[in-house]
Every structure is written in C-alpha cells, then in structure tokens.
Amino acid sequence: MQELRCRLGEKGYQSGIASVEHLRDLQDGIEGSRARELLNEEFYQERLTYFSFRPPEILPNAKSLIVVAVPQPKIRIVFTWHREVRPVIIPPTYVAYREANKRVDDILSSVLNPEGYHVAQASLPVKLLAVRSGLGDYGRNNICYVPGMGSFHRLVAFFTDMPCPEESWRQPQMMESCEKCQACLHSCPTSAIIPDRFLIRAERCITFHNERVGDFPAWIDPSWHNCLVGCLRCQMVCPQNADFREWVEGAEMFSEEETTLMLKHVPSDPFPPEIVRKLGRLDLLEYSDVLGRNLDALLSREESKQST
C-alpha cells in the first residue's frame, strides 16, 4: 500500500482504503437516511439507485475498496453570443472525468497487477466512502473536503482483490472548521443547507434541477444560476477553498452559430458533429438535453444584469 500511495502521490492524488466488509455500512448509510425520511424520495430514485454494494462479477473475490481523490479545477468555456464572448463555468468533477478515472485505473493496475492483484471500478457513494475511510471530511454543505485540495477534486473508487492492509474506518464526520462557520448556509440561494440538521435538502439544490430535463421549478430565481451544470455558490465562499477558488482552466470555445444551435436544441435531438466532438472532449454529452436550457438561463441572467 505504501508504494501505491507513493505512486498516486507523485501525481498529486490522495487515497483511502477500506475492507469490502464495510460495503454494508455504505449501503446502510444511504438506506438509513431514506428510511428516516431525510432523503427526498424523488431525489433518491433519480440519483441514488445506481450504486452496487457488492463486488463485480469480474472480481468476485474483492477484498478491499480504494478511493482516490484527483485534483480538478473549475473549467471555463467560452460561448459567443451577440458578437460578444460569454465565459461560463463548470465546477470540478464534471470535465475529463473519464480521463481521471483511467489515470487512476492505470496507476492502480501498474502497481497491483505485478503483485498478482486486480482492480475494477466501483459504483459506490464515493463521498461517504472517502469520509468513512479517513480520506476527507464532510463540509456543512455535504461536499467532501480533502486536505490540500479542498473540494476541488474528483473522487473515484475501485474494488481490488488485494487484502486490506490497514484502515481507519470511522463514523461520518464534519470538518471542525464548520462548527462555527455558516458561510455556505448563508450563500445557498435555495436554502438547501439548513441549520437544524446535517444532511442537506438535496431536492432543493440547484445542481439537482439543472442536471434533469424539463422546466426549472417556478421557485428558482433566474439570478441563482451560476454554472453551466452544477452549482458553486457554497464552494466559492468556503474558507477551506481559499487557496483553490481561483483555480480555473480554459477548455472549449463555441462560435455564435454553435451557441445559437445549442440554445435552440430540442432534448433528444442530435447535436451537429462538431458540437458533439466538443461536448465529448468535455465529458458533457450525458447532459446534452439540458445544456441549451442552462445556457439560456446563464445568458439571460447576464443580459438582465447589464440592463439594470
């Protein structure tokens, strides 16, 4: 495990490990919150039913779970609209996630395969796994924070048949710095983060609504939109992200014609090939049915600000 951590560390990654015996703990963490009605049922059905709490068929004798945090910046995408450039932001975790997963897979395989072990990617609640394994802590906003990365990272989990050499399995916990801080609570425009309980009201989160097809609920104020997908309000005010909140990298640029096509896009209709290629490089094709709607909300917000 020490060699593995060193190899991951060379890339700036951090990791945690746990025994597969804790799969039931992870499942109980999700199902327990549902049973106590702390999870909105609609949110649960749409977002939390794809997990698999058993080793995959290709690795039935898995013994360990490895969770890795890969540093990731915000991504700036530039659209051209009314002959002006309009930059929009995508939070960490969305862009290049397939590449990040593959890089981690390659490192794990290069270290473990020569020792006779194998790896297989896992579909698990990675934030919960990261916190319970000691890799990170929850923020008041229920986002996982990793030392030296804040929330600017992507988490990826793997099964392996390597025996678990060590672990620090623990109860989920919130960062000590959150105890006297309510910055995220006050910055959340939808009141998804509330003071009288730890688990946020995820069904109120902008991220939940701008990742699903259909009209935005009437109660969402247009001025609340701030990202092409997802939301950064709570992360940008978090003191734990002070060293990372300005970390942004550029990616793709869309012409006025491409921007117009995206704004007029009808869900389920295909985009032109060049737009497909760009969205593919951004790993955003799975959100293609909502990008036009979300982009319109952002551009409309900017135009409204300029007119006041």
Foldseek 3Di string as FASTA:
>chain_A
DVVLQVLCVVQPKHKFKDWLVCLVVQVCVVVVCVVVVVADPVCCVVPPPPFDSADDPVCNLFTMKMKMWAFAAKEWEWEAAPNDIDIFIDAAPQFCVVVVQVVSQVSCCVPCVVVVKHKDWGRGPQLQVCQQQPQFAAELQRQTQGPPRGNRTHMTMMTMNDHDPDTRGDDHHYDPVRPPDCQLCVQQPQNQRDDPDRHGHVVSAVLVQLQDDDDGPPPDDLLQQGHLHGHCRSVLRDPSCPVRNPGYYYAYYHYNVLLVCLLPDAPPDDDPPVVVVRCVNGNNPSSSNRSNVSVVSVVVNVVVVVVD
